[in-house]
């Protein structure tokens, strides 16, 4: 009997994770006048981004529901460790 894997992205408490294109990544860094080193980190093996094909240095956009703003957007840079 094989175990069915749980898809964490379908869980109600897991926010939406999107990988930005290189163009979008540059636009975000330019808009906020920051470097990748200044972004919070997310590990490559994080279950929230396991379904995305990510590499170190990619930027992940996280969209969370917000009671006051409707939605809150956060950015994280992918790191290996």
Protein backbone atom coordinates (compact mmCIF):
# COMPACT_ATOMS: atom_id res chain seq x y z
CA UNK A 1 0.00 0.00 0.00
CA UNK A 2 1.47 3.36 -1.04
CA UNK A 3 0.98 6.49 0.99
CA UNK A 4 -0.63 9.45 -0.71
CA UNK A 5 1.56 12.56 -0.41
CA UNK A 6 0.00 15.58 1.23
CA UNK A 7 0.00 18.66 -1.01
CA UNK A 8 0.89 21.50 1.36
CA UNK A 9 -0.04 24.14 -1.24
CA UNK A 10 -3.70 23.12 -0.91
CA UNK A 11 -3.76 23.77 2.86
CA UNK A 12 -5.86 26.77 3.92
CA UNK A 13 -3.09 28.21 6.11
CA UNK A 14 -0.39 28.14 3.40
CA UNK A 15 -0.26 31.43 1.45
CA UNK A 16 0.21 31.56 -2.31
CA UNK A 17 3.87 31.39 -3.42
CA UNK A 18 4.95 32.58 -6.87
CA UNK A 19 8.39 32.62 -8.47
CA UNK A 20 9.20 35.97 -10.09
CA UNK A 21 10.71 36.16 -13.56
CA UNK A 22 14.14 37.76 -13.92
CA UNK A 23 12.46 40.93 -15.23
CA UNK A 24 10.04 41.08 -12.27
CA UNK A 25 12.91 40.42 -9.86
CA UNK A 26 14.90 43.36 -11.28
CA UNK A 27 11.83 45.62 -11.14
CA UNK A 28 11.23 44.81 -7.44
CA UNK A 29 14.88 45.32 -6.50
CA UNK A 30 14.96 48.63 -8.41
CA UNK A 31 11.60 49.79 -7.02
CA UNK A 32 12.66 49.31 -3.41
CA UNK A 33 16.32 50.16 -4.08
CA UNK A 34 17.54 46.99 -2.39
CA UNK A 35 19.83 44.06 -3.17
CA UNK A 36 19.12 40.34 -2.85
CA UNK A 37 21.13 40.31 0.40
CA UNK A 38 18.58 42.67 1.97
CA UNK A 39 15.58 40.42 1.31
CA UNK A 40 14.42 37.89 3.90
CA UNK A 41 15.37 34.33 2.99
CA UNK A 42 13.42 31.19 2.15
CA UNK A 43 15.11 27.80 1.94
CA UNK A 44 15.11 25.95 -1.37
CA UNK A 45 13.65 22.89 0.39
CA UNK A 46 10.75 24.84 1.97
CA UNK A 47 7.56 22.85 1.43
CA UNK A 48 5.70 26.00 0.31
CA UNK A 49 7.91 26.30 -2.80
CA UNK A 50 8.61 22.61 -3.45
CA UNK A 51 6.23 22.71 -6.44
CA UNK A 52 8.19 25.57 -8.04
CA UNK A 53 11.40 25.01 -9.96
CA UNK A 54 13.63 27.34 -7.96
CA UNK A 55 17.33 27.95 -7.74
CA UNK A 56 19.44 29.99 -5.39
CA UNK A 57 18.91 33.72 -5.97
CA UNK A 58 15.34 33.42 -7.24
CA UNK A 59 12.78 35.74 -5.66
CA UNK A 60 9.52 34.36 -4.33
CA UNK A 61 6.40 36.51 -3.99
CA UNK A 62 4.17 35.44 -1.11
CA UNK A 63 0.57 36.65 -1.07
CA UNK A 64 -1.21 36.39 2.27
CA UNK A 65 -4.79 37.34 3.05
CA UNK A 66 -5.13 40.40 5.30
CA UNK A 67 -8.19 41.44 7.28
CA UNK A 68 -7.36 45.13 6.86
CA UNK A 69 -5.62 45.38 3.48
CA UNK A 70 -7.28 42.52 1.61
CA UNK A 71 -3.91 40.96 0.89
CA UNK A 72 -0.31 41.46 2.00
CA UNK A 73 2.62 40.83 -0.31
CA UNK A 74 6.03 39.69 0.86
CA UNK A 75 9.21 38.86 -1.04
CA UNK A 76 11.84 36.26 -0.14
CA UNK A 77 15.11 35.25 -1.80
CA UNK A 78 15.81 31.53 -2.23
CA UNK A 79 18.88 30.18 -0.42
CA UNK A 80 20.24 26.64 -0.35
CA UNK A 81 20.90 26.28 3.39
